Amino acid sequence: MSYKPITFTDCLYDGSCIVETNESGDLYFGGFVGELNSRSITLDNCRFEGEIDAGMECAGGLIGYVQDMDEKTVIRNCLADGVIRTSGSRAGGLVGMLSNVFTMEGCLASGTLTMDEGDKLSTSMGGLIGGESKKLADYQASGNSICGSLLGKAITYAMAVLETNASMGLIVAAPTAGS
């Protein structure tokens, strides 16, 4: 199968979509695309200003799940300013989950993400992209860390704490702790 580069430029999702059940077996939901497998994926000047209510594994304002075979995904000058509610385990304002290395420049998330409590150990939510701490943990376990095992582990744990807090977890009681 031949995969071609894909570019989204100057796109806007400002609609409303509700997916109450996952009867079709699909795992990913996004305003533009649920699952995208390709090479050299670019999102440039795209905006999510809509509302999504999905019970999928990964939910994103623009794309639910991205797998880039070349690891050349670029997300540039994009805005996530909508509302996403999900009972899945990963959510992001722009992309629910990215499987590979990516570059992000000039993006802003100011919308609202909410997740059902569910299995708190597998929940990952981020303003722009969800699932970062799991990817960091997998990379750390592979032994390829460029910053050493101690610093790599500290970064992974810090990201996991941030994601748990963002998904209304129980790690930090006060958002201004220590100030």
N, C-alpha and C. Protein backbone atom coordinates (compact mmCIF):
# COMPACT_ATOMS: atom_id res chain seq x y z
N MET A 1 0.84 -1.18 0.00
CA MET A 1 0.00 0.00 0.00
C MET A 1 0.88 1.24 0.00
N SER A 2 0.58 2.20 -0.86
CA SER A 2 1.36 3.42 -0.96
C SER A 2 0.64 4.56 -0.24
N TYR A 3 1.33 5.19 0.71
CA TYR A 3 0.77 6.32 1.44
C TYR A 3 1.35 7.61 0.89
N LYS A 4 0.52 8.60 0.69
CA LYS A 4 0.96 9.87 0.15
C LYS A 4 0.91 10.94 1.24
N PRO A 5 1.72 12.01 1.11
CA PRO A 5 1.68 13.11 2.08
C PRO A 5 0.28 13.74 2.11
N ILE A 6 -0.12 14.18 3.30
CA ILE A 6 -1.44 14.81 3.46
C ILE A 6 -1.25 16.15 4.16
N THR A 7 -1.91 17.18 3.65
CA THR A 7 -1.82 18.51 4.25
C THR A 7 -3.23 19.08 4.44
N PHE A 8 -3.51 19.57 5.65
CA PHE A 8 -4.72 20.32 5.95
C PHE A 8 -4.29 21.77 6.14
N THR A 9 -4.82 22.69 5.33
CA THR A 9 -4.45 24.10 5.44
C THR A 9 -5.71 24.95 5.53
N ASP A 10 -5.69 25.92 6.48
CA ASP A 10 -6.80 26.87 6.65
C ASP A 10 -8.14 26.18 6.82
N CYS A 11 -8.19 25.15 7.63
CA CYS A 11 -9.42 24.40 7.86
C CYS A 11 -10.07 24.82 9.17
N LEU A 12 -11.38 24.74 9.22
CA LEU A 12 -12.14 25.10 10.42
C LEU A 12 -13.19 24.04 10.69
N TYR A 13 -13.24 23.55 11.94
CA TYR A 13 -14.35 22.70 12.38
C TYR A 13 -15.09 23.49 13.43
N ASP A 14 -16.31 23.90 13.12
CA ASP A 14 -17.10 24.67 14.09
C ASP A 14 -18.49 24.08 14.26
N GLY A 15 -18.63 22.80 13.96
CA GLY A 15 -19.91 22.13 14.08
C GLY A 15 -20.08 21.47 15.44
N SER A 16 -21.10 20.65 15.51
CA SER A 16 -21.40 19.92 16.74
C SER A 16 -21.69 18.48 16.36
N CYS A 17 -21.07 17.55 17.09
CA CYS A 17 -21.26 16.14 16.78
C CYS A 17 -21.36 15.35 18.08
N ILE A 18 -22.34 14.47 18.14
CA ILE A 18 -22.51 13.60 19.30
C ILE A 18 -22.49 12.16 18.82
N VAL A 19 -21.59 11.36 19.40
CA VAL A 19 -21.52 9.93 19.11
C VAL A 19 -21.78 9.25 20.45
N GLU A 20 -23.01 8.79 20.64
CA GLU A 20 -23.40 8.25 21.95
C GLU A 20 -22.88 6.86 22.20
N THR A 21 -22.86 6.00 21.19
CA THR A 21 -22.38 4.63 21.38
C THR A 21 -21.40 4.31 20.27
N ASN A 22 -20.62 3.30 20.51
CA ASN A 22 -19.61 2.89 19.54
C ASN A 22 -20.01 1.55 18.93
N GLU A 23 -21.17 1.50 18.29
CA GLU A 23 -21.69 0.25 17.74
C GLU A 23 -20.88 -0.23 16.53
N SER A 24 -20.22 0.67 15.82
CA SER A 24 -19.50 0.28 14.61
C SER A 24 -18.12 -0.29 14.91
N GLY A 25 -17.65 -0.21 16.14
CA GLY A 25 -16.34 -0.72 16.50
C GLY A 25 -15.22 0.28 16.26
N ASP A 26 -15.54 1.48 15.77
CA ASP A 26 -14.52 2.50 15.56
C ASP A 26 -13.95 2.95 16.89
N LEU A 27 -12.67 3.27 16.90
CA LEU A 27 -12.02 3.68 18.14
C LEU A 27 -11.64 5.14 18.18
N TYR A 28 -11.64 5.83 17.04
CA TYR A 28 -11.12 7.18 16.97
C TYR A 28 -12.15 8.14 16.38
N PHE A 29 -12.19 9.37 16.93
CA PHE A 29 -13.12 10.36 16.41
C PHE A 29 -12.47 11.73 16.38
N GLY A 30 -12.62 12.43 15.26
CA GLY A 30 -12.11 13.79 15.12
C GLY A 30 -13.06 14.61 14.28
N GLY A 31 -12.99 15.93 14.43
CA GLY A 31 -13.85 16.83 13.66
C GLY A 31 -13.69 16.65 12.16
N PHE A 32 -12.45 16.42 11.67
CA PHE A 32 -12.20 16.19 10.25
C PHE A 32 -12.06 14.71 9.93
N VAL A 33 -11.20 14.01 10.70
CA VAL A 33 -10.87 12.63 10.39
C VAL A 33 -10.77 11.84 11.69
N GLY A 34 -11.33 10.62 11.70
CA GLY A 34 -11.22 9.77 12.87
C GLY A 34 -9.83 9.17 13.02
N GLU A 35 -9.35 8.50 11.97
CA GLU A 35 -8.02 7.87 12.00
C GLU A 35 -7.30 8.20 10.71
N LEU A 36 -6.05 8.64 10.83
CA LEU A 36 -5.27 9.04 9.67
C LEU A 36 -3.94 8.30 9.68
N ASN A 37 -3.72 7.42 8.71
CA ASN A 37 -2.46 6.70 8.54
C ASN A 37 -1.87 7.16 7.23
N SER A 38 -0.73 7.84 7.28
CA SER A 38 -0.14 8.35 6.05
C SER A 38 1.34 8.65 6.27
N ARG A 39 1.91 9.41 5.35
CA ARG A 39 3.29 9.87 5.43
C ARG A 39 3.29 11.39 5.35
N SER A 40 4.16 12.01 6.14
CA SER A 40 4.34 13.47 6.10
C SER A 40 3.00 14.21 6.21
N ILE A 41 2.43 14.19 7.39
CA ILE A 41 1.14 14.82 7.65
C ILE A 41 1.36 16.24 8.17
N THR A 42 0.65 17.22 7.60
CA THR A 42 0.80 18.61 8.01
C THR A 42 -0.58 19.20 8.30
N LEU A 43 -0.72 19.82 9.48
CA LEU A 43 -1.89 20.63 9.81
C LEU A 43 -1.38 22.05 9.93
N ASP A 44 -1.85 22.96 9.08
CA ASP A 44 -1.35 24.33 9.07
C ASP A 44 -2.52 25.31 9.14
N ASN A 45 -2.52 26.12 10.17
CA ASN A 45 -3.54 27.16 10.36
C ASN A 45 -4.95 26.57 10.41
N CYS A 46 -5.10 25.47 11.15
CA CYS A 46 -6.41 24.83 11.29
C CYS A 46 -7.00 25.17 12.66
N ARG A 47 -8.32 25.22 12.75
CA ARG A 47 -8.99 25.58 14.00
C ARG A 47 -10.11 24.62 14.33
N PHE A 48 -10.20 24.33 15.63
CA PHE A 48 -11.33 23.58 16.17
C PHE A 48 -12.06 24.51 17.11
N GLU A 49 -13.29 24.88 16.74
CA GLU A 49 -14.11 25.78 17.56
C GLU A 49 -15.49 25.18 17.80
N GLY A 50 -15.63 23.90 17.56
CA GLY A 50 -16.93 23.24 17.67
C GLY A 50 -17.13 22.55 19.00
N GLU A 51 -17.98 21.52 18.95
CA GLU A 51 -18.32 20.75 20.14
C GLU A 51 -18.41 19.28 19.74
N ILE A 52 -17.68 18.44 20.49
CA ILE A 52 -17.68 17.00 20.22
C ILE A 52 -17.99 16.27 21.52
N ASP A 53 -18.91 15.33 21.44
CA ASP A 53 -19.25 14.47 22.57
C ASP A 53 -19.14 13.04 22.06
N ALA A 54 -18.03 12.34 22.43
CA ALA A 54 -17.76 11.03 21.84
C ALA A 54 -17.35 10.02 22.88
N GLY A 55 -17.80 8.79 22.72
CA GLY A 55 -17.42 7.70 23.60
C GLY A 55 -16.33 6.84 22.97
N MET A 56 -15.45 7.43 22.22
CA MET A 56 -14.42 6.70 21.49
C MET A 56 -13.13 6.60 22.31
N GLU A 57 -12.23 5.72 21.89
CA GLU A 57 -10.93 5.55 22.54
C GLU A 57 -10.12 6.85 22.51
N CYS A 58 -10.03 7.48 21.33
CA CYS A 58 -9.29 8.73 21.15
C CYS A 58 -10.21 9.75 20.50
N ALA A 59 -10.30 10.94 21.08
CA ALA A 59 -11.13 12.00 20.50
C ALA A 59 -10.28 13.26 20.37
N GLY A 60 -10.33 13.88 19.20
CA GLY A 60 -9.60 15.12 18.96
C GLY A 60 -10.46 16.10 18.19
N GLY A 61 -10.23 17.38 18.40
CA GLY A 61 -11.00 18.40 17.70
C GLY A 61 -10.86 18.31 16.19
N LEU A 62 -9.65 18.01 15.70
CA LEU A 62 -9.43 17.89 14.27
C LEU A 62 -9.30 16.43 13.84
N ILE A 63 -8.43 15.66 14.54
CA ILE A 63 -8.18 14.28 14.18
C ILE A 63 -8.15 13.43 15.44
N GLY A 64 -8.78 12.26 15.40
CA GLY A 64 -8.79 11.37 16.55
C GLY A 64 -7.45 10.70 16.79
N TYR A 65 -6.86 10.10 15.75
CA TYR A 65 -5.60 9.37 15.88
C TYR A 65 -4.78 9.55 14.62
N VAL A 66 -3.49 9.89 14.79
CA VAL A 66 -2.59 10.07 13.66
C VAL A 66 -1.43 9.09 13.77
N GLN A 67 -1.19 8.34 12.69
CA GLN A 67 0.02 7.52 12.59
C GLN A 67 0.74 7.95 11.33
N ASP A 68 1.91 8.54 11.50
CA ASP A 68 2.72 9.03 10.39
C ASP A 68 3.88 8.07 10.20
N MET A 69 3.91 7.36 9.07
CA MET A 69 4.94 6.35 8.82
C MET A 69 6.34 6.96 8.73
N ASP A 70 6.45 8.22 8.32
CA ASP A 70 7.75 8.88 8.17
C ASP A 70 8.15 9.69 9.39
N GLU A 71 7.28 9.80 10.37
CA GLU A 71 7.52 10.61 11.56
C GLU A 71 7.84 12.06 11.20
N LYS A 72 7.08 12.61 10.26
CA LYS A 72 7.28 13.99 9.84
C LYS A 72 6.02 14.83 10.04
N THR A 73 5.22 14.49 11.02
CA THR A 73 4.00 15.25 11.28
C THR A 73 4.37 16.64 11.77
N VAL A 74 3.73 17.65 11.18
CA VAL A 74 3.93 19.04 11.58
C VAL A 74 2.57 19.65 11.86
N ILE A 75 2.42 20.22 13.06
CA ILE A 75 1.20 20.93 13.44
C ILE A 75 1.61 22.37 13.71
N ARG A 76 1.14 23.29 12.85
CA ARG A 76 1.64 24.67 12.89
C ARG A 76 0.48 25.67 12.91
N ASN A 77 0.56 26.62 13.85
CA ASN A 77 -0.39 27.73 13.93
C ASN A 77 -1.84 27.27 14.01
N CYS A 78 -2.10 26.27 14.84
CA CYS A 78 -3.45 25.73 14.98
C CYS A 78 -4.06 26.15 16.32
N LEU A 79 -5.38 26.22 16.37
CA LEU A 79 -6.11 26.67 17.55
C LEU A 79 -7.15 25.64 17.95
N ALA A 80 -7.19 25.31 19.24
CA ALA A 80 -8.24 24.46 19.79
C ALA A 80 -9.01 25.30 20.80
N ASP A 81 -10.21 25.71 20.43
CA ASP A 81 -11.01 26.59 21.29
C ASP A 81 -12.46 26.10 21.36
N GLY A 82 -12.64 24.80 21.31
CA GLY A 82 -13.98 24.23 21.36
C GLY A 82 -14.18 23.43 22.63
N VAL A 83 -15.17 22.55 22.60
CA VAL A 83 -15.52 21.71 23.76
C VAL A 83 -15.47 20.25 23.32
N ILE A 84 -14.72 19.44 24.08
CA ILE A 84 -14.67 18.00 23.83
C ILE A 84 -15.02 17.28 25.12
N ARG A 85 -16.02 16.40 25.01
CA ARG A 85 -16.39 15.52 26.13
C ARG A 85 -16.24 14.09 25.62
N THR A 86 -15.59 13.24 26.42
CA THR A 86 -15.39 11.86 25.99
C THR A 86 -15.37 10.92 27.18
N SER A 87 -15.71 9.67 26.91
CA SER A 87 -15.56 8.63 27.92
C SER A 87 -14.42 7.71 27.53
N GLY A 88 -13.67 8.09 26.48
CA GLY A 88 -12.51 7.33 26.04
C GLY A 88 -11.32 7.57 26.96
N SER A 89 -10.17 7.05 26.56
CA SER A 89 -9.00 7.16 27.43
C SER A 89 -8.00 8.21 26.97
N ARG A 90 -8.17 8.81 25.78
CA ARG A 90 -7.25 9.84 25.32
C ARG A 90 -8.04 10.93 24.61
N ALA A 91 -7.68 12.17 24.91
CA ALA A 91 -8.34 13.29 24.26
C ALA A 91 -7.37 14.45 24.12
N GLY A 92 -7.51 15.20 23.04
CA GLY A 92 -6.71 16.39 22.82
C GLY A 92 -7.51 17.41 22.06
N GLY A 93 -7.27 18.67 22.32
CA GLY A 93 -8.01 19.73 21.63
C GLY A 93 -7.85 19.67 20.12
N LEU A 94 -6.64 19.37 19.64
CA LEU A 94 -6.40 19.24 18.21
C LEU A 94 -6.40 17.79 17.76
N VAL A 95 -5.59 16.94 18.43
CA VAL A 95 -5.43 15.54 18.06
C VAL A 95 -5.58 14.68 19.31
N GLY A 96 -6.39 13.63 19.23
CA GLY A 96 -6.57 12.74 20.38
C GLY A 96 -5.30 11.99 20.73
N MET A 97 -4.58 11.48 19.73
CA MET A 97 -3.33 10.76 19.97
C MET A 97 -2.48 10.74 18.71
N LEU A 98 -1.18 11.00 18.89
CA LEU A 98 -0.19 10.87 17.82
C LEU A 98 0.69 9.69 18.16
N SER A 99 0.94 8.80 17.20
CA SER A 99 1.72 7.60 17.51
C SER A 99 3.23 7.81 17.38
N ASN A 100 3.66 8.84 16.68
CA ASN A 100 5.09 9.00 16.41
C ASN A 100 5.58 10.39 16.77
N VAL A 101 6.84 10.63 16.42
CA VAL A 101 7.49 11.92 16.65
C VAL A 101 6.78 12.99 15.82
N PHE A 102 6.67 14.21 16.36
CA PHE A 102 6.01 15.28 15.64
C PHE A 102 6.63 16.62 16.01
N THR A 103 6.33 17.64 15.21
CA THR A 103 6.76 19.01 15.48
C THR A 103 5.51 19.86 15.64
N MET A 104 5.48 20.69 16.70
CA MET A 104 4.36 21.59 16.92
C MET A 104 4.90 23.00 17.11
N GLU A 105 4.33 23.94 16.35
CA GLU A 105 4.78 25.33 16.41
C GLU A 105 3.59 26.27 16.44
N GLY A 106 3.62 27.25 17.32
CA GLY A 106 2.64 28.33 17.34
C GLY A 106 1.20 27.90 17.55
N CYS A 107 0.95 26.85 18.32
CA CYS A 107 -0.41 26.36 18.55
C CYS A 107 -0.93 26.83 19.90
N LEU A 108 -2.24 26.93 20.03
CA LEU A 108 -2.87 27.40 21.25
C LEU A 108 -4.09 26.55 21.56
N ALA A 109 -4.23 26.17 22.84
CA ALA A 109 -5.42 25.46 23.31
C ALA A 109 -6.07 26.30 24.39
N SER A 110 -7.32 26.70 24.17
CA SER A 110 -8.03 27.48 25.18
C SER A 110 -9.45 26.97 25.36
N GLY A 111 -9.75 25.81 24.83
CA GLY A 111 -11.09 25.24 24.93
C GLY A 111 -11.26 24.42 26.20
N THR A 112 -12.29 23.56 26.20
CA THR A 112 -12.62 22.75 27.37
C THR A 112 -12.59 21.27 27.01
N LEU A 113 -11.87 20.48 27.83
CA LEU A 113 -11.83 19.03 27.68
C LEU A 113 -12.38 18.41 28.96
N THR A 114 -13.31 17.47 28.82
CA THR A 114 -13.77 16.73 29.99
C THR A 114 -13.84 15.25 29.64
N MET A 115 -13.49 14.42 30.62
CA MET A 115 -13.52 12.97 30.43
C MET A 115 -14.27 12.34 31.58
N ASP A 116 -15.02 11.26 31.27
CA ASP A 116 -15.62 10.47 32.34
C ASP A 116 -14.49 9.87 33.16
N GLU A 117 -14.75 9.59 34.42
CA GLU A 117 -13.70 9.07 35.30
C GLU A 117 -13.15 7.76 34.82
N GLY A 118 -13.94 6.76 34.55
CA GLY A 118 -13.49 5.49 34.00
C GLY A 118 -12.24 4.95 34.66
N ASP A 119 -11.36 4.38 33.87
CA ASP A 119 -10.10 3.81 34.34
C ASP A 119 -9.05 4.92 34.40
N LYS A 120 -8.86 5.51 35.56
CA LYS A 120 -7.96 6.65 35.69
C LYS A 120 -6.52 6.32 35.32
N LEU A 121 -6.09 5.07 35.41
CA LEU A 121 -4.72 4.72 35.09
C LEU A 121 -4.43 4.82 33.60
N SER A 122 -5.44 4.69 32.76
CA SER A 122 -5.21 4.73 31.32
C SER A 122 -5.70 6.04 30.69
N THR A 123 -6.14 6.98 31.50
CA THR A 123 -6.67 8.22 30.98
C THR A 123 -5.56 9.22 30.72
N SER A 124 -5.58 9.86 29.55
CA SER A 124 -4.58 10.83 29.17
C SER A 124 -5.25 11.93 28.39
N MET A 125 -5.12 13.15 28.88
CA MET A 125 -5.80 14.26 28.24
C MET A 125 -4.85 15.45 28.19
N GLY A 126 -4.81 16.14 27.05
CA GLY A 126 -3.99 17.32 26.92
C GLY A 126 -4.71 18.37 26.11
N GLY A 127 -4.38 19.62 26.35
CA GLY A 127 -5.04 20.71 25.64
C GLY A 127 -4.87 20.62 24.14
N LEU A 128 -3.68 20.22 23.68
CA LEU A 128 -3.43 20.09 22.26
C LEU A 128 -3.48 18.64 21.80
N ILE A 129 -2.77 17.76 22.53
CA ILE A 129 -2.70 16.35 22.16
C ILE A 129 -2.75 15.51 23.42
N GLY A 130 -3.45 14.38 23.40
CA GLY A 130 -3.49 13.48 24.55
C GLY A 130 -2.54 12.30 24.36
N GLY A 131 -2.12 11.68 25.44
CA GLY A 131 -1.32 10.46 25.38
C GLY A 131 0.18 10.65 25.46
N GLU A 132 0.65 11.86 25.78
CA GLU A 132 2.08 12.11 25.78
C GLU A 132 2.84 11.30 26.82
N SER A 133 2.31 11.17 28.03
CA SER A 133 3.06 10.47 29.08
C SER A 133 3.26 9.00 28.74
N LYS A 134 2.29 8.36 28.12
CA LYS A 134 2.42 6.96 27.72
C LYS A 134 3.52 6.81 26.67
N LYS A 135 3.57 7.73 25.71
CA LYS A 135 4.61 7.68 24.69
C LYS A 135 5.99 7.89 25.32
N LEU A 136 6.09 8.83 26.26
CA LEU A 136 7.36 9.05 26.95
C LEU A 136 7.79 7.82 27.74
N ALA A 137 6.85 7.18 28.42
CA ALA A 137 7.17 5.97 29.20
C ALA A 137 7.65 4.85 28.28
N ASP A 138 7.01 4.66 27.14
CA ASP A 138 7.43 3.63 26.19
C ASP A 138 8.82 3.92 25.65
N TYR A 139 9.08 5.18 25.32
CA TYR A 139 10.39 5.58 24.80
C TYR A 139 11.47 5.39 25.87
N GLN A 140 11.15 5.78 27.09
CA GLN A 140 12.07 5.60 28.21
C GLN A 140 12.40 4.12 28.41
N ALA A 141 11.41 3.26 28.33
CA ALA A 141 11.60 1.82 28.52
C ALA A 141 12.45 1.19 27.42
N SER A 142 12.46 1.82 26.24
CA SER A 142 13.25 1.28 25.12
C SER A 142 14.74 1.49 25.30
N GLY A 143 15.13 2.36 26.26
CA GLY A 143 16.54 2.62 26.52
C GLY A 143 17.17 3.62 25.57
N ASN A 144 16.36 4.33 24.77
CA ASN A 144 16.89 5.28 23.79
C ASN A 144 16.86 6.72 24.27
N SER A 145 16.65 6.97 25.53
CA SER A 145 16.52 8.33 26.04
C SER A 145 17.78 9.14 25.76
N ILE A 146 17.62 10.35 25.23
CA ILE A 146 18.77 11.20 24.93
C ILE A 146 19.23 12.00 26.15
N CYS A 147 18.45 11.97 27.22
CA CYS A 147 18.81 12.77 28.39
C CYS A 147 19.12 11.90 29.61
N GLY A 148 19.32 10.62 29.43
CA GLY A 148 19.65 9.73 30.54
C GLY A 148 18.40 9.20 31.23
N SER A 149 18.56 8.10 31.97
CA SER A 149 17.40 7.44 32.55
C SER A 149 16.76 8.24 33.68
N LEU A 150 17.56 8.88 34.53
CA LEU A 150 16.99 9.62 35.66
C LEU A 150 16.18 10.83 35.19
N LEU A 151 16.75 11.66 34.33
CA LEU A 151 16.02 12.83 33.82
C LEU A 151 14.84 12.39 32.95
N GLY A 152 15.02 11.34 32.15
CA GLY A 152 13.92 10.84 31.33
C GLY A 152 12.75 10.37 32.18
N LYS A 153 13.05 9.67 33.26
CA LYS A 153 12.00 9.21 34.16
C LYS A 153 11.30 10.39 34.84
N ALA A 154 12.07 11.40 35.24
CA ALA A 154 11.49 12.60 35.87
C ALA A 154 10.54 13.32 34.91
N ILE A 155 10.94 13.46 33.66
CA ILE A 155 10.10 14.12 32.66
C ILE A 155 8.83 13.32 32.42
N THR A 156 8.96 12.00 32.32
CA THR A 156 7.80 11.12 32.11
C THR A 156 6.82 11.24 33.27
N TYR A 157 7.32 11.18 34.51
CA TYR A 157 6.45 11.30 35.68
C TYR A 157 5.79 12.67 35.76
N ALA A 158 6.54 13.72 35.43
CA ALA A 158 5.96 15.08 35.46
C ALA A 158 4.81 15.19 34.46
N MET A 159 4.98 14.63 33.25
CA MET A 159 3.91 14.68 32.26
C MET A 159 2.71 13.87 32.73
N ALA A 160 2.94 12.71 33.35
CA ALA A 160 1.84 11.89 33.85
C ALA A 160 1.05 12.63 34.93
N VAL A 161 1.76 13.36 35.80
CA VAL A 161 1.08 14.14 36.84
C VAL A 161 0.24 15.24 36.20
N LEU A 162 0.79 15.94 35.21
CA LEU A 162 0.04 16.99 34.53
C LEU A 162 -1.21 16.44 33.86
N GLU A 163 -1.09 15.28 33.18
CA GLU A 163 -2.24 14.70 32.51
C GLU A 163 -3.29 14.22 33.50
N THR A 164 -2.85 13.67 34.62
CA THR A 164 -3.79 13.21 35.65
C THR A 164 -4.53 14.40 36.23
N ASN A 165 -3.83 15.48 36.51
CA ASN A 165 -4.49 16.69 37.00
C ASN A 165 -5.50 17.22 35.99
N ALA A 166 -5.09 17.26 34.71
CA ALA A 166 -5.97 17.80 33.67
C ALA A 166 -7.24 16.99 33.52
N SER A 167 -7.15 15.69 33.82
CA SER A 167 -8.33 14.84 33.70
C SER A 167 -9.06 14.68 35.02
N MET A 168 -8.83 15.60 35.95
CA MET A 168 -9.49 15.63 37.26
C MET A 168 -9.10 14.43 38.11
N GLY A 169 -7.82 14.04 38.01
CA GLY A 169 -7.30 12.95 38.84
C GLY A 169 -7.10 13.42 40.27
N LEU A 170 -6.39 12.61 41.06
CA LEU A 170 -6.28 12.89 42.49
C LEU A 170 -4.86 13.15 42.95
N ILE A 171 -3.93 13.52 42.08
CA ILE A 171 -2.54 13.65 42.49
C ILE A 171 -2.29 14.96 43.25
N VAL A 172 -2.65 16.08 42.68
CA VAL A 172 -2.37 17.38 43.33
C VAL A 172 -3.69 18.01 43.75
N ALA A 173 -3.78 18.36 45.06
CA ALA A 173 -5.04 18.88 45.59
C ALA A 173 -5.27 20.33 45.24
N ALA A 174 -4.21 21.12 45.11
CA ALA A 174 -4.36 22.54 44.84
C ALA A 174 -3.55 22.94 43.63
N PRO A 175 -4.13 23.64 42.67
CA PRO A 175 -3.39 24.00 41.46
C PRO A 175 -2.26 24.99 41.74
N THR A 176 -2.28 25.65 42.87
CA THR A 176 -1.22 26.60 43.20
C THR A 176 -0.34 26.08 44.32
N ALA A 177 -0.25 24.78 44.48
CA ALA A 177 0.54 24.19 45.56
C ALA A 177 1.97 24.71 45.52
N GLY A 178 2.43 25.20 46.66
CA GLY A 178 3.80 25.70 46.77
C GLY A 178 3.94 27.17 46.48
N SER A 179 2.89 27.86 46.08
CA SER A 179 3.06 29.29 45.77
C SER A 179 2.53 30.13 46.90
